[in-house]
Amino acid sequence: MTSHSYARGFTIKKLRKALVDVVVSEVKNVSFDELVRAVISNKLQTGIKHALKKLYPIKSCEIKFAGIVIKGKLMHARENEPVSEVQEESKEKDAEQTE
């Protein structure tokens, strides 16, 4: 989310909670294929922006990451492993490349 000006902590907390509520309600109502189409065509982002601008003026809304939650753990979409393990591996690769 990008806003028109600097938002304070409490406002950001309210925006994040509202964001989760909007996304969960959208995901429950559509199939996976429809969800992917909505993300690609920016319909989901537009809906999020319109829902959140009631709380605070939102300039834009982008989805940078989408994952799958399995048994309470967020899984990386490609390798089907927990995101924390994938992030640790990428940090190790970056460290090796800089040396």
Foldseek 3Di string as FASTA:
>chain_A
DAFPDDDDDVLVVVLVVQLVVLVVVVPVVDDPVVVVVCLVVVVSFVVSQVSRVVSGGHDGGHDDDDFDADPNFTAHPPPRHGPVVVVVVVVVVVVVVVD
